[in-house]
């Protein structure tokens, strides 16, 4: 049997989580028995275009494994490979979807050529028919569910739906350099409460994750994230994060009225009431601007809204505190670790964002799964078989050089 790559194991787990997500996240409104019976009656399309059926007992076993040990329990054993998920992994799927969304008329033949040109696949890795099956399956699903799903997710209780978005903010001049500021925010659909918001110099996934982590730490997890189709939201890391904390993601179809209206309206109000009154020269640093921004968010959250029966968003949110599902600090820290695979050099060094780290010599020349915090303060080797974390250290060239000199001197004596 062929050994599965970590990307393939993650693809399997995300596929399984996708089946179980309505029950895990709480969006399923019937009994668990009814869920397993209905789910078992369906035929599922795998990423390689093949079909598969699963019994209620199998789905129940997956569900219990997730409840007991979290997302990683949905991964198949690394030494087992049934050949189902080796063809299109997360990275390839993201690239195919991105190319089709940017260029809807782009044929599968050219998509395959571009994947070969950029080094993602080799000529024998992926057949044209597999790419065609994936495209047909993915976009048929989007077309058939876009309006129905959005109506379904318009809930009346807090933490049912959090809608996220980003918007260009003001320019500020820091250290003599004029820079654009970006604003990332999350709004609770039912209460209009801003559960997370911050200002950054970059609109990217790492900063989005910081806002989500802060919100989940304070207010629990939502059942559904509602996002647009931007690359920050459709990344493999975002899908992993949602699966780890037990929520689902709904992606809004382009040019379709959705519940994103609330966050878009909030951004318009922000620009009219906060940005319009700013004197940008008074802010010398991003932290100074952040202080002003947070004051506005606090004022918004505590101001009475007529649409909320004369309650403020904050009062409306905490009027249903029973709907807050909190995660432990340990669960949050592990869930928000980024994940990559890297091959260790012969001298036991591996680079993350061009920063060298040293690992135990037993890992030399091996491919490892690495999990790390976005600020690189916490970096671990993750053992996919045992679930254990082994902390990595920054490469200390000075100490290593001393050790090597001592070894050479000892050999000369």
Protein backbone atom coordinates (compact mmCIF):
# COMPACT_ATOMS: atom_id res chain seq x y z
CA UNK A 1 0.00 0.00 0.00
CA UNK A 2 1.19 3.53 -0.85
CA UNK A 3 1.79 5.98 1.97
CA UNK A 4 -0.56 8.95 2.09
CA UNK A 5 0.88 12.46 2.14
CA UNK A 6 -0.23 14.82 4.89
CA UNK A 7 -2.06 16.95 2.30
CA UNK A 8 -4.00 13.88 1.21
CA UNK A 9 -4.90 12.98 4.80
CA UNK A 10 -6.10 16.54 5.41
CA UNK A 11 -8.18 16.38 2.21
CA UNK A 12 -9.83 13.19 3.50
CA UNK A 13 -10.56 14.84 6.85
CA UNK A 14 -12.03 17.99 5.26
CA UNK A 15 -14.24 15.83 3.04
CA UNK A 16 -15.52 13.88 6.06
CA UNK A 17 -16.01 17.06 8.07
CA UNK A 18 -18.02 18.52 5.18
CA UNK A 19 -20.50 15.65 5.54
CA UNK A 20 -20.74 16.00 9.33
CA UNK A 21 -20.56 19.82 9.54
CA UNK A 22 -24.33 20.53 9.88
CA UNK A 23 -24.51 18.26 12.95
CA UNK A 24 -21.20 19.39 14.50
CA UNK A 25 -21.80 23.13 14.01
CA UNK A 26 -25.42 23.02 15.16
CA UNK A 27 -27.07 24.13 11.92
CA UNK A 28 -28.91 20.78 11.67
CA UNK A 29 -32.38 21.20 13.22
CA UNK A 30 -33.56 17.58 13.40
CA UNK A 31 -32.46 14.65 15.57
CA UNK A 32 -29.00 13.13 15.25
CA UNK A 33 -30.56 9.80 14.24
CA UNK A 34 -32.44 11.51 11.41
CA UNK A 35 -29.21 13.21 10.30
CA UNK A 36 -27.27 9.94 10.04
CA UNK A 37 -30.10 8.22 8.19
CA UNK A 38 -30.46 11.04 5.66
CA UNK A 39 -26.71 11.47 5.24
CA UNK A 40 -26.26 7.74 4.65
CA UNK A 41 -28.91 7.80 1.91
CA UNK A 42 -26.81 10.19 -0.21
CA UNK A 43 -24.11 9.45 -2.74
CA UNK A 44 -21.04 11.63 -2.33
CA UNK A 45 -18.66 12.88 -5.01
CA UNK A 46 -15.00 12.64 -4.05
CA UNK A 47 -12.43 15.27 -5.08
CA UNK A 48 -11.22 13.04 -7.91
CA UNK A 49 -14.73 12.85 -9.35
CA UNK A 50 -15.52 9.30 -8.17
CA UNK A 51 -18.67 8.53 -6.17
CA UNK A 52 -18.91 6.92 -2.73
CA UNK A 53 -21.63 5.74 -0.32
CA UNK A 54 -21.29 5.52 3.46
CA UNK A 55 -23.38 3.69 6.04
CA UNK A 56 -24.95 5.46 9.02
CA UNK A 57 -22.62 3.44 11.27
CA UNK A 58 -19.55 4.77 9.44
CA UNK A 59 -20.77 8.36 9.68
CA UNK A 60 -21.59 7.87 13.37
CA UNK A 61 -18.06 6.54 13.96
CA UNK A 62 -16.55 9.61 12.28
CA UNK A 63 -18.79 11.89 14.34
CA UNK A 64 -17.78 10.27 17.63
CA UNK A 65 -14.11 10.42 16.66
CA UNK A 66 -14.42 14.18 16.01
CA UNK A 67 -16.27 14.77 19.28
CA UNK A 68 -13.59 12.87 21.19
CA UNK A 69 -10.36 14.01 19.53
CA UNK A 70 -11.25 16.89 17.19
CA UNK A 71 -10.55 17.43 13.51
CA UNK A 72 -7.37 15.35 13.34
CA UNK A 73 -9.35 12.25 14.32
CA UNK A 74 -11.02 12.39 10.88
CA UNK A 75 -7.71 11.79 9.12
CA UNK A 76 -6.99 8.30 7.82
CA UNK A 77 -3.91 6.51 9.08
CA UNK A 78 -0.81 7.70 7.26
CA UNK A 79 0.11 4.20 6.04
CA UNK A 80 -3.29 3.56 4.41
CA UNK A 81 -4.11 4.76 0.90
CA UNK A 82 -7.15 3.69 -1.00
CA UNK A 83 -6.27 6.00 -3.87
CA UNK A 84 -9.29 8.26 -3.47
CA UNK A 85 -7.76 11.59 -2.58
CA UNK A 86 -4.32 11.54 -4.15
CA UNK A 87 -5.29 13.35 -7.32
CA UNK A 88 -6.59 16.80 -6.27
CA UNK A 89 -5.40 18.13 -2.92
CA UNK A 90 -6.32 21.46 -1.26
CA UNK A 91 -3.67 23.51 -3.07
CA UNK A 92 -4.57 22.19 -6.54
CA UNK A 93 -8.30 22.62 -5.87
CA UNK A 94 -7.80 26.22 -4.72
CA UNK A 95 -5.81 27.04 -7.85
CA UNK A 96 -8.38 25.47 -10.20
CA UNK A 97 -11.29 27.30 -8.54
CA UNK A 98 -9.38 30.60 -8.56
CA UNK A 99 -8.51 30.30 -12.28
CA UNK A 100 -12.11 29.44 -13.22
CA UNK A 101 -13.56 32.29 -11.14
CA UNK A 102 -11.13 34.80 -12.63
CA UNK A 103 -11.52 33.44 -16.17
CA UNK A 104 -14.84 31.56 -16.45
CA UNK A 105 -14.20 30.59 -20.10
CA UNK A 106 -10.77 29.11 -19.39
CA UNK A 107 -10.86 25.45 -20.55
CA UNK A 108 -9.56 22.56 -18.48
CA UNK A 109 -6.76 21.99 -20.99
CA UNK A 110 -5.26 25.43 -20.27
CA UNK A 111 -5.79 25.04 -16.53
CA UNK A 112 -3.81 21.80 -16.64
CA UNK A 113 -1.06 23.48 -18.66
CA UNK A 114 -0.82 26.34 -16.14
CA UNK A 115 -0.58 23.86 -13.23
CA UNK A 116 2.29 22.13 -15.04
CA UNK A 117 4.00 25.43 -15.89
CA UNK A 118 3.95 26.71 -12.28
CA UNK A 119 5.32 23.40 -10.97
CA UNK A 120 2.21 22.37 -9.04
CA UNK A 121 1.93 19.09 -10.96
CA UNK A 122 4.03 17.12 -13.40
CA UNK A 123 2.76 15.88 -16.76
CA UNK A 124 1.63 12.52 -15.38
CA UNK A 125 0.15 13.69 -12.07
CA UNK A 126 -3.32 14.79 -13.10
CA UNK A 127 -5.43 13.78 -16.06
CA UNK A 128 -7.57 16.20 -18.05
CA UNK A 129 -10.71 14.16 -17.30
CA UNK A 130 -10.06 14.44 -13.53
CA UNK A 131 -9.83 18.24 -13.78
CA UNK A 132 -13.03 18.35 -15.84
CA UNK A 133 -14.91 16.20 -13.30
CA UNK A 134 -13.72 18.40 -10.45
CA UNK A 135 -14.79 21.63 -12.22
CA UNK A 136 -18.23 20.24 -13.10
CA UNK A 137 -18.83 18.95 -9.57
CA UNK A 138 -17.63 22.11 -7.81
CA UNK A 139 -19.47 24.71 -9.88
CA UNK A 140 -22.67 22.70 -10.16
CA UNK A 141 -22.79 22.63 -6.38
CA UNK A 142 -22.26 26.41 -6.21
CA UNK A 143 -25.00 27.09 -8.77
CA UNK A 144 -27.57 24.85 -7.11
CA UNK A 145 -27.13 26.10 -3.55
CA UNK A 146 -26.17 29.78 -3.63
CA UNK A 147 -29.59 31.37 -3.00
CA UNK A 148 -31.13 28.53 -1.00
CA UNK A 149 -28.19 28.36 1.39
CA UNK A 150 -28.17 32.08 2.12
CA UNK A 151 -31.85 32.09 3.05
CA UNK A 152 -31.18 29.15 5.31
CA UNK A 153 -28.38 30.95 7.16
CA UNK A 154 -30.37 34.06 8.04
CA UNK A 155 -30.93 33.10 11.68
CA UNK A 156 -32.61 34.85 14.56
CA UNK A 157 -30.21 33.91 17.40
CA UNK A 158 -26.74 35.22 18.21
CA UNK A 159 -23.70 33.18 17.16
CA UNK A 160 -25.68 31.53 14.39
CA UNK A 161 -23.92 33.54 11.68
CA UNK A 162 -20.88 35.78 11.78
CA UNK A 163 -20.24 37.73 8.61
CA UNK A 164 -16.70 38.87 7.85
CA UNK A 165 -15.25 41.33 5.39
CA UNK A 166 -12.45 43.83 4.90
CA UNK A 167 -12.34 47.34 3.53
CA UNK A 168 -9.76 49.95 2.63
CA UNK A 169 -9.29 52.44 5.43
CA UNK A 170 -7.47 55.77 5.69
CA UNK A 171 -3.88 56.57 4.81
CA UNK A 172 -1.52 57.50 7.62
CA UNK A 173 2.08 58.68 7.51
CA UNK A 174 4.35 56.67 9.80
CA UNK A 175 8.06 57.49 9.97
CA UNK A 176 7.60 59.74 6.96
CA UNK A 177 6.06 56.99 4.81
CA UNK A 178 2.43 57.26 3.66
CA UNK A 179 0.69 53.89 4.03
CA UNK A 180 -2.80 52.56 3.36
CA UNK A 181 -4.62 51.03 6.33
CA UNK A 182 -6.99 48.06 5.98
CA UNK A 183 -9.91 47.28 8.28
CA UNK A 184 -11.04 43.70 8.97
CA UNK A 185 -14.29 43.14 10.86
CA UNK A 186 -16.76 40.44 11.93
CA UNK A 187 -20.41 41.18 12.71
CA UNK A 188 -22.93 38.91 14.43
CA UNK A 189 -25.91 38.65 12.10
CA UNK A 190 -28.69 38.60 14.71
CA UNK A 191 -27.46 41.37 17.03
CA UNK A 192 -25.35 43.57 14.70
CA UNK A 193 -22.69 43.27 17.41
CA UNK A 194 -19.13 43.72 16.12
CA UNK A 195 -17.48 40.66 17.66
CA UNK A 196 -14.09 41.38 16.13
CA UNK A 197 -12.39 44.26 14.31
CA UNK A 198 -8.93 45.71 13.89
CA UNK A 199 -6.72 47.84 11.62
CA UNK A 200 -3.69 46.55 9.71
CA UNK A 201 -1.25 47.53 7.00
CA UNK A 202 -2.02 44.31 5.10
CA UNK A 203 -5.30 42.68 4.16
CA UNK A 204 -4.26 39.02 4.40
CA UNK A 205 -5.25 35.71 5.95
CA UNK A 206 -2.90 36.02 8.92
CA UNK A 207 -4.54 39.28 10.01
CA UNK A 208 -8.00 37.86 9.36
CA UNK A 209 -7.08 34.96 11.63
CA UNK A 210 -6.02 37.38 14.37
CA UNK A 211 -9.46 39.03 14.28
CA UNK A 212 -11.26 35.66 14.31
CA UNK A 213 -9.11 34.33 17.16
CA UNK A 214 -9.81 37.39 19.29
CA UNK A 215 -13.55 37.11 18.61
CA UNK A 216 -13.76 33.37 19.33
CA UNK A 217 -11.74 33.83 22.54
CA UNK A 218 -14.17 36.47 23.82
CA UNK A 219 -17.56 35.41 22.42
CA UNK A 220 -17.37 31.70 21.57
CA UNK A 221 -17.68 30.22 18.10
CA UNK A 222 -20.42 30.84 15.53
CA UNK A 223 -22.25 28.04 13.78
CA UNK A 224 -21.57 29.62 10.39
CA UNK A 225 -19.01 32.03 8.94
CA UNK A 226 -20.39 33.99 6.01
CA UNK A 227 -17.66 35.21 3.64
CA UNK A 228 -17.22 36.34 0.06
CA UNK A 229 -15.01 34.48 -2.40
CA UNK A 230 -11.81 36.37 -1.68
CA UNK A 231 -8.56 34.40 -1.46
CA UNK A 232 -8.19 35.10 2.28
CA UNK A 233 -11.48 33.36 2.99
CA UNK A 234 -11.20 30.46 0.53
CA UNK A 235 -7.71 29.36 1.53
CA UNK A 236 -7.03 25.83 2.74
CA UNK A 237 -5.92 27.25 6.10
CA UNK A 238 -9.34 28.89 6.57
CA UNK A 239 -11.13 25.62 5.87
CA UNK A 240 -8.86 23.86 8.36
CA UNK A 241 -9.55 26.52 11.00
CA UNK A 242 -13.33 26.19 10.59
CA UNK A 243 -13.16 22.41 10.87
CA UNK A 244 -10.96 22.56 13.98
CA UNK A 245 -13.32 24.86 15.91
CA UNK A 246 -16.45 23.05 14.69
CA UNK A 247 -18.10 25.62 12.46
CA UNK A 248 -19.02 25.84 8.78
CA UNK A 249 -18.33 28.39 6.03
CA UNK A 250 -20.85 29.78 3.58
CA UNK A 251 -19.43 31.58 0.56
CA UNK A 252 -21.54 34.28 -1.03
CA UNK A 253 -22.03 34.05 -4.77
CA UNK A 254 -20.75 37.15 -6.63
CA UNK A 255 -23.32 39.87 -7.36
CA UNK A 256 -25.98 38.11 -5.28
CA UNK A 257 -27.85 39.86 -2.41
CA UNK A 258 -26.79 38.12 0.80
CA UNK A 259 -26.60 38.58 4.54
CA UNK A 260 -23.27 40.30 3.90
CA UNK A 261 -25.48 43.38 3.62
CA UNK A 262 -25.09 44.02 7.36
CA UNK A 263 -21.30 44.14 7.34
CA UNK A 264 -21.25 46.17 4.13
CA UNK A 265 -23.69 48.64 5.66
CA UNK A 266 -21.52 48.81 8.79
CA UNK A 267 -18.47 49.68 6.71
CA UNK A 268 -20.41 52.46 4.94
CA UNK A 269 -21.46 53.87 8.31
CA UNK A 270 -17.89 53.59 9.58
CA UNK A 271 -16.62 55.67 6.66
CA UNK A 272 -19.37 58.29 7.06
CA UNK A 273 -19.10 58.66 10.83
CA UNK A 274 -15.50 57.82 11.72
CA UNK A 275 -13.24 58.17 8.68
CA UNK A 276 -14.93 61.35 7.44
CA UNK A 277 -14.08 63.13 10.69
CA UNK A 278 -10.46 62.02 10.96
CA UNK A 279 -7.54 64.41 10.78
CA UNK A 280 -4.98 61.95 9.46
CA UNK A 281 -1.96 64.09 10.35
CA UNK A 282 -2.65 63.57 14.04
CA UNK A 283 -1.91 59.82 13.82
CA UNK A 284 1.79 59.07 13.81
CA UNK A 285 1.54 55.29 14.26
CA UNK A 286 -0.89 52.48 13.51
CA UNK A 287 -1.42 51.99 17.26
CA UNK A 288 -2.64 55.59 17.59
CA UNK A 289 -5.13 55.05 14.79
CA UNK A 290 -6.18 51.72 16.35
CA UNK A 291 -7.05 53.48 19.60
CA UNK A 292 -9.40 55.87 17.78
CA UNK A 293 -10.90 53.01 15.75
CA UNK A 294 -11.59 50.88 18.84
CA UNK A 295 -13.31 53.81 20.51
CA UNK A 296 -15.65 54.05 17.52
CA UNK A 297 -16.37 50.29 17.59
CA UNK A 298 -17.18 50.48 21.31
CA UNK A 299 -19.48 53.45 20.72
CA UNK A 300 -21.25 51.61 17.89
CA UNK A 301 -21.71 48.44 19.97
CA UNK A 302 -23.24 50.33 22.88
CA UNK A 303 -25.54 52.66 20.90
CA UNK A 304 -29.28 51.85 20.77
CA UNK A 305 -30.55 50.57 17.38
CA UNK A 306 -34.17 50.99 16.37
CA UNK A 307 -34.02 47.71 14.43
CA UNK A 308 -33.10 45.89 17.65
CA UNK A 309 -36.20 46.95 19.61
CA UNK A 310 -34.34 49.88 21.14
CA UNK A 311 -31.46 47.72 22.36
CA UNK A 312 -27.77 48.22 21.65
CA UNK A 313 -25.91 45.50 19.72
CA UNK A 314 -24.02 44.61 22.90
CA UNK A 315 -27.19 44.30 24.98
CA UNK A 316 -28.88 42.26 22.25
CA UNK A 317 -25.88 39.92 22.00
CA UNK A 318 -25.61 39.23 25.72
CA UNK A 319 -29.37 38.83 26.10
CA UNK A 320 -28.76 35.34 24.69
CA UNK A 321 -25.63 34.39 26.59
CA UNK A 322 -26.83 30.76 26.60
CA UNK A 323 -26.01 30.70 22.87
CA UNK A 324 -22.30 31.28 23.53
CA UNK A 325 -20.28 28.07 23.03
CA UNK A 326 -16.84 28.71 24.44
CA UNK A 327 -13.64 26.84 23.64
CA UNK A 328 -10.88 26.24 26.16
CA UNK A 329 -7.66 28.24 25.90
CA UNK A 330 -5.83 25.09 24.81
CA UNK A 331 -8.39 24.33 22.10
CA UNK A 332 -8.09 27.89 20.77
CA UNK A 333 -4.29 27.88 20.74
CA UNK A 334 -4.14 24.60 18.81
CA UNK A 335 -6.97 25.46 16.42
CA UNK A 336 -5.34 28.71 15.30
CA UNK A 337 -1.95 27.25 14.46
CA UNK A 338 -1.02 27.46 10.79
CA UNK A 339 0.02 24.18 9.17
CA UNK A 340 2.60 23.46 6.47
CA UNK A 341 4.81 20.61 5.31
CA UNK A 342 8.58 21.08 4.99
CA UNK A 343 11.54 18.85 4.18
CA UNK A 344 14.37 19.01 6.74
CA UNK A 345 17.89 19.55 5.43
CA UNK A 346 20.71 17.08 6.01
CA UNK A 347 22.00 19.26 8.88
CA UNK A 348 18.55 19.22 10.60
CA UNK A 349 17.48 22.74 9.62
CA UNK A 350 14.09 23.77 8.24
CA UNK A 351 12.95 27.24 7.14
CA UNK A 352 9.58 28.88 7.83
CA UNK A 353 9.03 32.27 6.16
CA UNK A 354 12.80 32.32 5.52
CA UNK A 355 13.49 31.92 9.24
CA UNK A 356 15.73 28.89 10.02
CA UNK A 357 14.79 26.49 12.81
CA UNK A 358 16.68 23.48 14.06
CA UNK A 359 15.11 20.12 14.85
CA UNK A 360 16.34 16.89 16.32
CA UNK A 361 18.87 15.09 14.11
CA UNK A 362 16.51 12.12 13.72
CA UNK A 363 14.38 14.33 11.43
CA UNK A 364 17.21 15.00 8.93
CA UNK A 365 16.06 14.62 5.30
CA UNK A 366 12.50 13.83 6.42
CA UNK A 367 9.32 15.65 5.40
CA UNK A 368 7.55 17.01 8.49
CA UNK A 369 4.18 18.51 9.33
CA UNK A 370 4.82 21.82 11.12
CA UNK A 371 2.26 23.87 13.03
CA UNK A 372 3.05 27.41 14.11
CA UNK A 373 1.52 30.64 15.39
CA UNK A 374 1.26 33.51 12.92
CA UNK A 375 3.84 35.52 14.85
CA UNK A 376 6.24 32.51 14.85
CA UNK A 377 6.41 32.64 18.65
CA UNK A 378 5.23 29.02 18.84
CA UNK A 379 6.56 26.53 16.27
CA UNK A 380 6.06 22.78 16.58
CA UNK A 381 6.78 19.53 14.80
CA UNK A 382 3.41 17.79 14.72
CA UNK A 383 3.39 13.99 14.88
CA UNK A 384 0.40 13.03 12.75
CA UNK A 385 0.29 9.51 14.15
CA UNK A 386 0.39 10.30 17.89
CA UNK A 387 -1.03 13.84 17.84
CA UNK A 388 1.94 15.08 19.90
CA UNK A 389 3.63 18.47 19.53
CA UNK A 390 7.41 18.95 19.78
CA UNK A 391 8.57 22.54 20.11
CA UNK A 392 11.12 23.80 17.57
CA UNK A 393 13.92 26.25 18.33
CA UNK A 394 15.42 29.05 16.28
CA UNK A 395 18.72 28.05 14.70
CA UNK A 396 21.59 29.14 16.93
CA UNK A 397 24.53 29.26 14.52
CA UNK A 398 26.91 30.57 17.19
CA UNK A 399 26.30 27.68 19.60
CA UNK A 400 26.33 25.14 16.78
CA UNK A 401 29.66 26.47 15.54
CA UNK A 402 31.16 26.03 19.03
CA UNK A 403 29.92 22.45 19.18
CA UNK A 404 31.44 21.68 15.77
CA UNK A 405 34.79 23.24 16.76
CA UNK A 406 34.89 21.17 19.94
CA UNK A 407 34.18 18.03 17.98
CA UNK A 408 37.00 18.80 15.52
CA UNK A 409 39.42 19.66 18.34
CA UNK A 410 38.59 16.45 20.16
CA UNK A 411 39.27 14.53 16.95
CA UNK A 412 42.70 16.17 16.59
CA UNK A 413 43.88 15.28 20.08
